[in-house]
């Protein structure tokens, strides 16, 4: 069992990391997160995506694939800046966590 509040920040960083490599969409990022051991529902993921968009870290657009319409999320300049800063903080925390064992 995981604490969603505790891991929420890590999930948001994963989203920004993957969006930095190209557009992401709900089902795709859910599957990617599953590879990292996170089980996240649409009811948790979409508010996170909308929150990242509201803060200006992501932008979104709709794309039609046949009959299906998919919302794609792309990282913004502000999101990239925040991701660079977060990487520094994660490296520092990682070092402390490993040394603390």
PDB file of N, CA and C in Angstrom:
ATOM      1  N   UNK A   1       0.853  -1.180   0.000  1.00  0.00           N
ATOM      2  CA  UNK A   1       0.000   0.000   0.000  1.00  0.00           C
ATOM      3  C   UNK A   1       0.903   1.249   0.000  1.00  0.00           C
ATOM      4  N   UNK A   2       0.562   2.217  -0.794  1.00  0.00           N
ATOM      5  CA  UNK A   2       1.354   3.437  -0.859  1.00  0.00           C
ATOM      6  C   UNK A   2       0.521   4.628  -0.418  1.00  0.00           C
ATOM      7  N   UNK A   3       1.200   5.631   0.073  1.00  0.00           N
ATOM      8  CA  UNK A   3       0.566   6.875   0.505  1.00  0.00           C
ATOM      9  C   UNK A   3       0.569   7.834  -0.681  1.00  0.00           C
ATOM     10  N   UNK A   4      -0.617   8.119  -1.213  1.00  0.00           N
ATOM     11  CA  UNK A   4      -0.716   8.952  -2.417  1.00  0.00           C
ATOM     12  C   UNK A   4      -0.180  10.353  -2.192  1.00  0.00           C
ATOM     13  N   UNK A   5      -0.343  10.882  -0.980  1.00  0.00           N
ATOM     14  CA  UNK A   5       0.199  12.211  -0.695  1.00  0.00           C
ATOM     15  C   UNK A   5       1.721  12.196  -0.753  1.00  0.00           C
ATOM     16  N   UNK A   6       2.320  11.154  -0.198  1.00  0.00           N
ATOM     17  CA  UNK A   6       3.773  11.045  -0.165  1.00  0.00           C
ATOM     18  C   UNK A   6       4.350  10.893  -1.573  1.00  0.00           C
ATOM     19  N   UNK A   7       3.713  10.079  -2.398  1.00  0.00           N
ATOM     20  CA  UNK A   7       4.245   9.798  -3.728  1.00  0.00           C
ATOM     21  C   UNK A   7       3.721  10.729  -4.811  1.00  0.00           C
ATOM     22  N   UNK A   8       2.769  11.582  -4.484  1.00  0.00           N
ATOM     23  CA  UNK A   8       2.190  12.489  -5.474  1.00  0.00           C
ATOM     24  C   UNK A   8       3.219  13.366  -6.162  1.00  0.00           C
ATOM     25  N   UNK A   9       4.167  13.889  -5.408  1.00  0.00           N
ATOM     26  CA  UNK A   9       5.209  14.729  -6.002  1.00  0.00           C
ATOM     27  C   UNK A   9       6.088  13.945  -6.964  1.00  0.00           C
ATOM     28  N   UNK A  10       6.394  12.701  -6.597  1.00  0.00           N
ATOM     29  CA  UNK A  10       7.210  11.869  -7.485  1.00  0.00           C
ATOM     30  C   UNK A  10       6.474  11.569  -8.781  1.00  0.00           C
ATOM     31  N   UNK A  11       5.182  11.314  -8.666  1.00  0.00           N
ATOM     32  CA  UNK A  11       4.387  11.041  -9.860  1.00  0.00           C
ATOM     33  C   UNK A  11       4.368  12.272 -10.760  1.00  0.00           C
ATOM     34  N   UNK A  12       4.190  13.449 -10.183  1.00  0.00           N
ATOM     35  CA  UNK A  12       4.198  14.687 -10.975  1.00  0.00           C
ATOM     36  C   UNK A  12       5.548  14.875 -11.678  1.00  0.00           C
ATOM     37  N   UNK A  13       6.634  14.548 -10.989  1.00  0.00           N
ATOM     38  CA  UNK A  13       7.960  14.647 -11.617  1.00  0.00           C
ATOM     39  C   UNK A  13       8.103  13.650 -12.761  1.00  0.00           C
ATOM     40  N   UNK A  14       7.575  12.442 -12.579  1.00  0.00           N
ATOM     41  CA  UNK A  14       7.582  11.462 -13.679  1.00  0.00           C
ATOM     42  C   UNK A  14       6.834  12.016 -14.882  1.00  0.00           C
ATOM     43  N   UNK A  15       5.679  12.611 -14.639  1.00  0.00           N
ATOM     44  CA  UNK A  15       4.881  13.169 -15.734  1.00  0.00           C
ATOM     45  C   UNK A  15       5.681  14.244 -16.465  1.00  0.00           C
ATOM     46  N   UNK A  16       6.276  15.169 -15.713  1.00  0.00           N
ATOM     47  CA  UNK A  16       7.072  16.232 -16.356  1.00  0.00           C
ATOM     48  C   UNK A  16       8.260  15.647 -17.102  1.00  0.00           C
ATOM     49  N   UNK A  17       8.905  14.662 -16.506  1.00  0.00           N
ATOM     50  CA  UNK A  17      10.062  14.020 -17.161  1.00  0.00           C
ATOM     51  C   UNK A  17       9.661  13.430 -18.513  1.00  0.00           C
ATOM     52  N   UNK A  18       8.569  12.689 -18.533  1.00  0.00           N
ATOM     53  CA  UNK A  18       8.149  12.060 -19.786  1.00  0.00           C
ATOM     54  C   UNK A  18       7.612  13.089 -20.777  1.00  0.00           C
ATOM     55  N   UNK A  19       6.928  14.115 -20.285  1.00  0.00           N
ATOM     56  CA  UNK A  19       6.444  15.174 -21.173  1.00  0.00           C
ATOM     57  C   UNK A  19       7.613  15.948 -21.771  1.00  0.00           C
ATOM     58  N   UNK A  20       8.736  15.961 -21.092  1.00  0.00           N
ATOM     59  CA  UNK A  20       9.931  16.625 -21.619  1.00  0.00           C
ATOM     60  C   UNK A  20      10.486  15.891 -22.834  1.00  0.00           C
ATOM     61  N   UNK A  21      10.142  14.623 -22.961  1.00  0.00           N
ATOM     62  CA  UNK A  21      10.602  13.812 -24.101  1.00  0.00           C
ATOM     63  C   UNK A  21       9.585  13.747 -25.225  1.00  0.00           C
ATOM     64  N   UNK A  22       8.392  14.278 -24.983  1.00  0.00           N
ATOM     65  CA  UNK A  22       7.352  14.276 -26.006  1.00  0.00           C
ATOM     66  C   UNK A  22       5.990  14.327 -25.354  1.00  0.00           C
ATOM     67  N   UNK A  23       4.961  14.590 -26.144  1.00  0.00           N
ATOM     68  CA  UNK A  23       3.612  14.693 -25.588  1.00  0.00           C
ATOM     69  C   UNK A  23       3.190  13.408 -24.880  1.00  0.00           C
ATOM     70  N   UNK A  24       2.432  13.564 -23.790  1.00  0.00           N
ATOM     71  CA  UNK A  24       1.913  12.415 -23.050  1.00  0.00           C
ATOM     72  C   UNK A  24       0.390  12.508 -23.030  1.00  0.00           C
ATOM     73  N   UNK A  25      -0.242  11.366 -22.815  1.00  0.00           N
ATOM     74  CA  UNK A  25      -1.700  11.322 -22.696  1.00  0.00           C
ATOM     75  C   UNK A  25      -2.032  10.391 -21.535  1.00  0.00           C
ATOM     76  N   UNK A  26      -3.244  10.500 -21.033  1.00  0.00           N
ATOM     77  CA  UNK A  26      -3.646   9.806 -19.818  1.00  0.00           C
ATOM     78  C   UNK A  26      -3.308   8.332 -19.759  1.00  0.00           C
ATOM     79  N   UNK A  27      -3.821   7.546 -20.694  1.00  0.00           N
ATOM     80  CA  UNK A  27      -3.597   6.103 -20.652  1.00  0.00           C
ATOM     81  C   UNK A  27      -2.111   5.775 -20.811  1.00  0.00           C
ATOM     82  N   UNK A  28      -1.436   6.486 -21.686  1.00  0.00           N
ATOM     83  CA  UNK A  28      -0.011   6.231 -21.903  1.00  0.00           C
ATOM     84  C   UNK A  28       0.816   6.493 -20.659  1.00  0.00           C
ATOM     85  N   UNK A  29       0.544   7.604 -19.971  1.00  0.00           N
ATOM     86  CA  UNK A  29       1.329   7.917 -18.779  1.00  0.00           C
ATOM     87  C   UNK A  29       0.938   6.986 -17.630  1.00  0.00           C
ATOM     88  N   UNK A  30      -0.314   6.538 -17.604  1.00  0.00           N
ATOM     89  CA  UNK A  30      -0.730   5.564 -16.588  1.00  0.00           C
ATOM     90  C   UNK A  30       0.066   4.276 -16.744  1.00  0.00           C
ATOM     91  N   UNK A  31       0.222   3.816 -17.977  1.00  0.00           N
ATOM     92  CA  UNK A  31       0.993   2.592 -18.237  1.00  0.00           C
ATOM     93  C   UNK A  31       2.464   2.794 -17.899  1.00  0.00           C
ATOM     94  N   UNK A  32       3.006   3.954 -18.224  1.00  0.00           N
ATOM     95  CA  UNK A  32       4.404   4.246 -17.904  1.00  0.00           C
ATOM     96  C   UNK A  32       4.617   4.257 -16.398  1.00  0.00           C
ATOM     97  N   UNK A  33       3.717   4.878 -15.680  1.00  0.00           N
ATOM     98  CA  UNK A  33       3.827   4.925 -14.224  1.00  0.00           C
ATOM     99  C   UNK A  33       3.728   3.533 -13.620  1.00  0.00           C
ATOM    100  N   UNK A  34       2.900   2.682 -14.217  1.00  0.00           N
ATOM    101  CA  UNK A  34       2.770   1.300 -13.744  1.00  0.00           C
ATOM    102  C   UNK A  34       4.121   0.583 -13.837  1.00  0.00           C
ATOM    103  N   UNK A  35       4.904   0.876 -14.886  1.00  0.00           N
ATOM    104  CA  UNK A  35       6.240   0.277 -15.030  1.00  0.00           C
ATOM    105  C   UNK A  35       7.159   0.676 -13.876  1.00  0.00           C
ATOM    106  N   UNK A  36       6.867   1.804 -13.261  1.00  0.00           N
ATOM    107  CA  UNK A  36       7.681   2.297 -12.146  1.00  0.00           C
ATOM    108  C   UNK A  36       7.085   1.919 -10.788  1.00  0.00           C
ATOM    109  N   UNK A  37       6.044   1.103 -10.804  1.00  0.00           N
ATOM    110  CA  UNK A  37       5.471   0.608  -9.568  1.00  0.00           C
ATOM    111  C   UNK A  37       4.338   1.441  -8.994  1.00  0.00           C
ATOM    112  N   UNK A  38       3.850   2.425  -9.755  1.00  0.00           N
ATOM    113  CA  UNK A  38       2.742   3.250  -9.290  1.00  0.00           C
ATOM    114  C   UNK A  38       1.441   2.750  -9.911  1.00  0.00           C
ATOM    115  N   UNK A  39       0.456   2.528  -9.065  1.00  0.00           N
ATOM    116  CA  UNK A  39      -0.875   2.166  -9.544  1.00  0.00           C
ATOM    117  C   UNK A  39      -1.748   3.396  -9.330  1.00  0.00           C
ATOM    118  N   UNK A  40      -2.131   4.038 -10.411  1.00  0.00           N
ATOM    119  CA  UNK A  40      -2.846   5.309 -10.305  1.00  0.00           C
ATOM    120  C   UNK A  40      -4.110   5.256 -11.140  1.00  0.00           C
ATOM    121  N   UNK A  41      -5.189   5.706 -10.555  1.00  0.00           N
ATOM    122  CA  UNK A  41      -6.473   5.693 -11.257  1.00  0.00           C
ATOM    123  C   UNK A  41      -6.624   6.971 -12.073  1.00  0.00           C
ATOM    124  N   UNK A  42      -7.553   6.934 -13.009  1.00  0.00           N
ATOM    125  CA  UNK A  42      -7.858   8.125 -13.804  1.00  0.00           C
ATOM    126  C   UNK A  42      -8.344   9.252 -12.897  1.00  0.00           C
ATOM    127  N   UNK A  43      -9.054   8.899 -11.824  1.00  0.00           N
ATOM    128  CA  UNK A  43      -9.561   9.890 -10.888  1.00  0.00           C
ATOM    129  C   UNK A  43      -8.471  10.595 -10.107  1.00  0.00           C
ATOM    130  N   UNK A  44      -7.285  10.016 -10.074  1.00  0.00           N
ATOM    131  CA  UNK A  44      -6.126  10.648  -9.435  1.00  0.00           C
ATOM    132  C   UNK A  44      -5.250  11.323 -10.485  1.00  0.00           C
ATOM    133  N   UNK A  45      -5.055  10.651 -11.615  1.00  0.00           N
ATOM    134  CA  UNK A  45      -4.151  11.166 -12.644  1.00  0.00           C
ATOM    135  C   UNK A  45      -4.645  12.460 -13.278  1.00  0.00           C
ATOM    136  N   UNK A  46      -5.895  12.486 -13.711  1.00  0.00           N
ATOM    137  CA  UNK A  46      -6.362  13.655 -14.461  1.00  0.00           C
ATOM    138  C   UNK A  46      -6.357  14.941 -13.632  1.00  0.00           C
ATOM    139  N   UNK A  47      -6.727  14.891 -12.356  1.00  0.00           N
ATOM    140  CA  UNK A  47      -6.557  16.115 -11.564  1.00  0.00           C
ATOM    141  C   UNK A  47      -5.088  16.559 -11.456  1.00  0.00           C
ATOM    142  N   UNK A  48      -4.158  15.591 -11.435  1.00  0.00           N
ATOM    143  CA  UNK A  48      -2.732  15.950 -11.422  1.00  0.00           C
ATOM    144  C   UNK A  48      -2.346  16.643 -12.728  1.00  0.00           C
ATOM    145  N   UNK A  49      -2.777  16.063 -13.848  1.00  0.00           N
ATOM    146  CA  UNK A  49      -2.470  16.670 -15.147  1.00  0.00           C
ATOM    147  C   UNK A  49      -3.074  18.068 -15.243  1.00  0.00           C
ATOM    148  N   UNK A  50      -4.317  18.211 -14.804  1.00  0.00           N
ATOM    149  CA  UNK A  50      -4.980  19.523 -14.851  1.00  0.00           C
ATOM    150  C   UNK A  50      -4.289  20.508 -13.926  1.00  0.00           C
ATOM    151  N   UNK A  51      -3.833  20.044 -12.766  1.00  0.00           N
ATOM    152  CA  UNK A  51      -3.109  20.904 -11.837  1.00  0.00           C
ATOM    153  C   UNK A  51      -1.786  21.378 -12.412  1.00  0.00           C
ATOM    154  N   UNK A  52      -1.056  20.468 -13.076  1.00  0.00           N
ATOM    155  CA  UNK A  52       0.209  20.849 -13.719  1.00  0.00           C
ATOM    156  C   UNK A  52      -0.037  21.840 -14.850  1.00  0.00           C
ATOM    157  N   UNK A  53      -1.156  21.678 -15.534  1.00  0.00           N
ATOM    158  CA  UNK A  53      -1.507  22.613 -16.598  1.00  0.00           C
ATOM    159  C   UNK A  53      -1.884  23.975 -15.996  1.00  0.00           C
ATOM    160  N   UNK A  54      -2.640  23.963 -14.934  1.00  0.00           N
ATOM    161  CA  UNK A  54      -3.066  25.209 -14.293  1.00  0.00           C
ATOM    162  C   UNK A  54      -1.866  26.008 -13.784  1.00  0.00           C
ATOM    163  N   UNK A  55      -0.846  25.312 -13.304  1.00  0.00           N
ATOM    164  CA  UNK A  55       0.370  25.979 -12.824  1.00  0.00           C
ATOM    165  C   UNK A  55       1.253  26.450 -13.972  1.00  0.00           C
ATOM    166  N   UNK A  56       0.931  26.040 -15.187  1.00  0.00           N
ATOM    167  CA  UNK A  56       1.713  26.457 -16.338  1.00  0.00           C
ATOM    168  C   UNK A  56       2.866  25.538 -16.686  1.00  0.00           C
ATOM    169  N   UNK A  57       2.918  24.346 -16.080  1.00  0.00           N
ATOM    170  CA  UNK A  57       3.999  23.395 -16.353  1.00  0.00           C
ATOM    171  C   UNK A  57       3.713  22.541 -17.586  1.00  0.00           C
ATOM    172  N   UNK A  58       2.443  22.374 -17.891  1.00  0.00           N
ATOM    173  CA  UNK A  58       2.010  21.627 -19.071  1.00  0.00           C
ATOM    174  C   UNK A  58       1.007  22.463 -19.847  1.00  0.00           C
ATOM    175  N   UNK A  59       0.932  22.212 -21.125  1.00  0.00           N
ATOM    176  CA  UNK A  59      -0.161  22.742 -21.938  1.00  0.00           C
ATOM    177  C   UNK A  59      -0.813  21.534 -22.598  1.00  0.00           C
ATOM    178  N   UNK A  60      -2.068  21.684 -22.995  1.00  0.00           N
ATOM    179  CA  UNK A  60      -2.749  20.542 -23.596  1.00  0.00           C
ATOM    180  C   UNK A  60      -3.458  20.956 -24.876  1.00  0.00           C
ATOM    181  N   UNK A  61      -3.695  19.947 -25.683  1.00  0.00           N
ATOM    182  CA  UNK A  61      -4.450  20.132 -26.924  1.00  0.00           C
ATOM    183  C   UNK A  61      -5.155  18.818 -27.218  1.00  0.00           C
ATOM    184  N   UNK A  62      -6.239  18.918 -27.961  1.00  0.00           N
ATOM    185  CA  UNK A  62      -6.947  17.711 -28.356  1.00  0.00           C
ATOM    186  C   UNK A  62      -6.472  17.269 -29.729  1.00  0.00           C
ATOM    187  N   UNK A  63      -6.375  15.969 -29.892  1.00  0.00           N
ATOM    188  CA  UNK A  63      -5.967  15.392 -31.173  1.00  0.00           C
ATOM    189  C   UNK A  63      -6.940  14.277 -31.508  1.00  0.00           C
ATOM    190  N   UNK A  64      -7.386  14.271 -32.745  1.00  0.00           N
ATOM    191  CA  UNK A  64      -8.338  13.242 -33.193  1.00  0.00           C
ATOM    192  C   UNK A  64      -7.563  12.110 -33.870  1.00  0.00           C
ATOM    193  N   UNK A  65      -7.910  10.877 -33.448  1.00  0.00           N
ATOM    194  CA  UNK A  65      -7.393   9.657 -34.081  1.00  0.00           C
ATOM    195  C   UNK A  65      -8.596   8.839 -34.493  1.00  0.00           C
ATOM    196  N   UNK A  66      -8.989   8.946 -35.748  1.00  0.00           N
ATOM    197  CA  UNK A  66     -10.207   8.273 -36.190  1.00  0.00           C
ATOM    198  C   UNK A  66     -11.407   8.856 -35.466  1.00  0.00           C
ATOM    199  N   UNK A  67     -12.157   8.011 -34.771  1.00  0.00           N
ATOM    200  CA  UNK A  67     -13.312   8.485 -34.007  1.00  0.00           C
ATOM    201  C   UNK A  67     -12.927   8.970 -32.622  1.00  0.00           C
ATOM    202  N   UNK A  68     -11.736   8.669 -32.227  1.00  0.00           N
ATOM    203  CA  UNK A  68     -11.282   8.942 -30.865  1.00  0.00           C
ATOM    204  C   UNK A  68     -10.613  10.309 -30.767  1.00  0.00           C
ATOM    205  N   UNK A  69     -10.949  11.034 -29.707  1.00  0.00           N
ATOM    206  CA  UNK A  69     -10.294  12.309 -29.427  1.00  0.00           C
ATOM    207  C   UNK A  69      -9.457  12.110 -28.170  1.00  0.00           C
ATOM    208  N   UNK A  70      -8.194  12.484 -28.257  1.00  0.00           N
ATOM    209  CA  UNK A  70      -7.262  12.294 -27.149  1.00  0.00           C
ATOM    210  C   UNK A  70      -6.678  13.647 -26.772  1.00  0.00           C
ATOM    211  N   UNK A  71      -6.560  13.907 -25.471  1.00  0.00           N
ATOM    212  CA  UNK A  71      -5.924  15.131 -25.004  1.00  0.00           C
ATOM    213  C   UNK A  71      -4.449  14.836 -24.766  1.00  0.00           C
ATOM    214  N   UNK A  72      -3.604  15.589 -25.449  1.00  0.00           N
ATOM    215  CA  UNK A  72      -2.159  15.454 -25.300  1.00  0.00           C
ATOM    216  C   UNK A  72      -1.631  16.588 -24.432  1.00  0.00           C
ATOM    217  N   UNK A  73      -0.711  16.247 -23.564  1.00  0.00           N
ATOM    218  CA  UNK A  73      -0.092  17.227 -22.669  1.00  0.00           C
ATOM    219  C   UNK A  73       1.372  17.368 -23.049  1.00  0.00           C
ATOM    220  N   UNK A  74       1.807  18.633 -23.171  1.00  0.00           N
ATOM    221  CA  UNK A  74       3.190  18.925 -23.514  1.00  0.00           C
ATOM    222  C   UNK A  74       3.792  19.823 -22.448  1.00  0.00           C
ATOM    223  N   UNK A  75       5.064  19.630 -22.193  1.00  0.00           N
ATOM    224  CA  UNK A  75       5.746  20.450 -21.201  1.00  0.00           C
ATOM    225  C   UNK A  75       5.938  21.864 -21.755  1.00  0.00           C
ATOM    226  N   UNK A  76       5.858  22.837 -20.883  1.00  0.00           N
ATOM    227  CA  UNK A  76       6.069  24.232 -21.262  1.00  0.00           C
ATOM    228  C   UNK A  76       7.480  24.659 -20.841  1.00  0.00           C
ATOM    229  N   UNK A  77       7.853  25.852 -21.217  1.00  0.00           N
ATOM    230  CA  UNK A  77       9.154  26.395 -20.797  1.00  0.00           C
ATOM    231  C   UNK A  77       9.227  26.436 -19.267  1.00  0.00           C
ATOM    232  N   UNK A  78       8.141  26.893 -18.639  1.00  0.00           N
ATOM    233  CA  UNK A  78       8.087  26.949 -17.177  1.00  0.00           C
ATOM    234  C   UNK A  78       8.225  25.542 -16.588  1.00  0.00           C
ATOM    235  N   UNK A  79       7.587  24.565 -17.209  1.00  0.00           N
ATOM    236  CA  UNK A  79       7.695  23.184 -16.754  1.00  0.00           C
ATOM    237  C   UNK A  79       9.110  22.653 -16.852  1.00  0.00           C
ATOM    238  N   UNK A  80       9.805  22.999 -17.939  1.00  0.00           N
ATOM    239  CA  UNK A  80      11.208  22.569 -18.100  1.00  0.00           C
ATOM    240  C   UNK A  80      12.088  23.189 -17.028  1.00  0.00           C
ATOM    241  N   UNK A  81      11.858  24.466 -16.745  1.00  0.00           N
ATOM    242  CA  UNK A  81      12.632  25.151 -15.712  1.00  0.00           C
ATOM    243  C   UNK A  81      12.413  24.478 -14.363  1.00  0.00           C
ATOM    244  N   UNK A  82      11.165  24.176 -14.043  1.00  0.00           N
ATOM    245  CA  UNK A  82      10.849  23.519 -12.778  1.00  0.00           C
ATOM    246  C   UNK A  82      11.438  22.109 -12.723  1.00  0.00           C
ATOM    247  N   UNK A  83      11.456  21.418 -13.841  1.00  0.00           N
ATOM    248  CA  UNK A  83      12.016  20.068 -13.895  1.00  0.00           C
ATOM    249  C   UNK A  83      13.520  20.099 -13.625  1.00  0.00           C
ATOM    250  N   UNK A  84      14.228  21.059 -14.195  1.00  0.00           N
ATOM    251  CA  UNK A  84      15.670  21.192 -13.948  1.00  0.00           C
ATOM    252  C   UNK A  84      15.920  21.437 -12.462  1.00  0.00           C
ATOM    253  N   UNK A  85      15.139  22.332 -11.870  1.00  0.00           N
ATOM    254  CA  UNK A  85      15.291  22.636 -10.445  1.00  0.00           C
ATOM    255  C   UNK A  85      14.963  21.411  -9.595  1.00  0.00           C
ATOM    256  N   UNK A  86      13.903  20.701  -9.956  1.00  0.00           N
ATOM    257  CA  UNK A  86      13.499  19.517  -9.192  1.00  0.00           C
ATOM    258  C   UNK A  86      14.566  18.426  -9.262  1.00  0.00           C
ATOM    259  N   UNK A  87      15.227  18.275 -10.405  1.00  0.00           N
ATOM    260  CA  UNK A  87      16.295  17.264 -10.530  1.00  0.00           C
ATOM    261  C   UNK A  87      17.397  17.515  -9.512  1.00  0.00           C
ATOM    262  N   UNK A  88      17.758  18.768  -9.333  1.00  0.00           N
ATOM    263  CA  UNK A  88      18.802  19.110  -8.348  1.00  0.00           C
ATOM    264  C   UNK A  88      18.353  18.711  -6.947  1.00  0.00           C
ATOM    265  N   UNK A  89      17.114  19.014  -6.622  1.00  0.00           N
ATOM    266  CA  UNK A  89      16.594  18.697  -5.290  1.00  0.00           C
ATOM    267  C   UNK A  89      16.465  17.183  -5.087  1.00  0.00           C
ATOM    268  N   UNK A  90      16.065  16.470  -6.124  1.00  0.00           N
ATOM    269  CA  UNK A  90      15.937  15.018  -6.029  1.00  0.00           C
ATOM    270  C   UNK A  90      17.306  14.380  -5.836  1.00  0.00           C
ATOM    271  N   UNK A  91      18.319  14.871  -6.547  1.00  0.00           N
ATOM    272  CA  UNK A  91      19.685  14.337  -6.372  1.00  0.00           C
ATOM    273  C   UNK A  91      20.159  14.525  -4.937  1.00  0.00           C
ATOM    274  N   UNK A  92      19.906  15.704  -4.384  1.00  0.00           N
ATOM    275  CA  UNK A  92      20.308  15.986  -3.008  1.00  0.00           C
ATOM    276  C   UNK A  92      19.577  15.065  -2.036  1.00  0.00           C
ATOM    277  N   UNK A  93      18.257  14.936  -2.210  1.00  0.00           N
ATOM    278  CA  UNK A  93      17.472  14.069  -1.335  1.00  0.00           C
ATOM    279  C   UNK A  93      17.894  12.616  -1.481  1.00  0.00           C
ATOM    280  N   UNK A  94      18.115  12.178  -2.702  1.00  0.00           N
ATOM    281  CA  UNK A  94      18.535  10.805  -2.951  1.00  0.00           C
ATOM    282  C   UNK A  94      19.830  10.509  -2.196  1.00  0.00           C
ATOM    283  N   UNK A  95      20.771  11.443  -2.257  1.00  0.00           N
ATOM    284  CA  UNK A  95      22.026  11.276  -1.541  1.00  0.00           C
ATOM    285  C   UNK A  95      21.803  11.132  -0.039  1.00  0.00           C
ATOM    286  N   UNK A  96      20.944  11.961   0.507  1.00  0.00           N
ATOM    287  CA  UNK A  96      20.654  11.879   1.938  1.00  0.00           C
ATOM    288  C   UNK A  96      19.956  10.582   2.309  1.00  0.00           C
ATOM    289  N   UNK A  97      19.007  10.152   1.490  1.00  0.00           N
ATOM    290  CA  UNK A  97      18.281   8.925   1.765  1.00  0.00           C
ATOM    291  C   UNK A  97      19.208   7.708   1.740  1.00  0.00           C
ATOM    292  N   UNK A  98      20.110   7.677   0.780  1.00  0.00           N
ATOM    293  CA  UNK A  98      21.030   6.532   0.659  1.00  0.00           C
ATOM    294  C   UNK A  98      22.043   6.547   1.793  1.00  0.00           C
ATOM    295  N   UNK A  99      22.591   7.716   2.111  1.00  0.00           N
ATOM    296  CA  UNK A  99      23.569   7.816   3.202  1.00  0.00           C
ATOM    297  C   UNK A  99      22.936   7.515   4.543  1.00  0.00           C
ATOM    298  N   UNK A 100      21.633   7.741   4.671  1.00  0.00           N
ATOM    299  CA  UNK A 100      20.945   7.545   5.934  1.00  0.00           C
ATOM    300  C   UNK A 100      20.651   6.090   6.275  1.00  0.00           C
ATOM    301  N   UNK A 101      20.920   5.171   5.355  1.00  0.00           N
ATOM    302  CA  UNK A 101      20.611   3.751   5.613  1.00  0.00           C
ATOM    303  C   UNK A 101      21.522   3.167   6.649  1.00  0.00           C
TER     304      UNK A 101
END
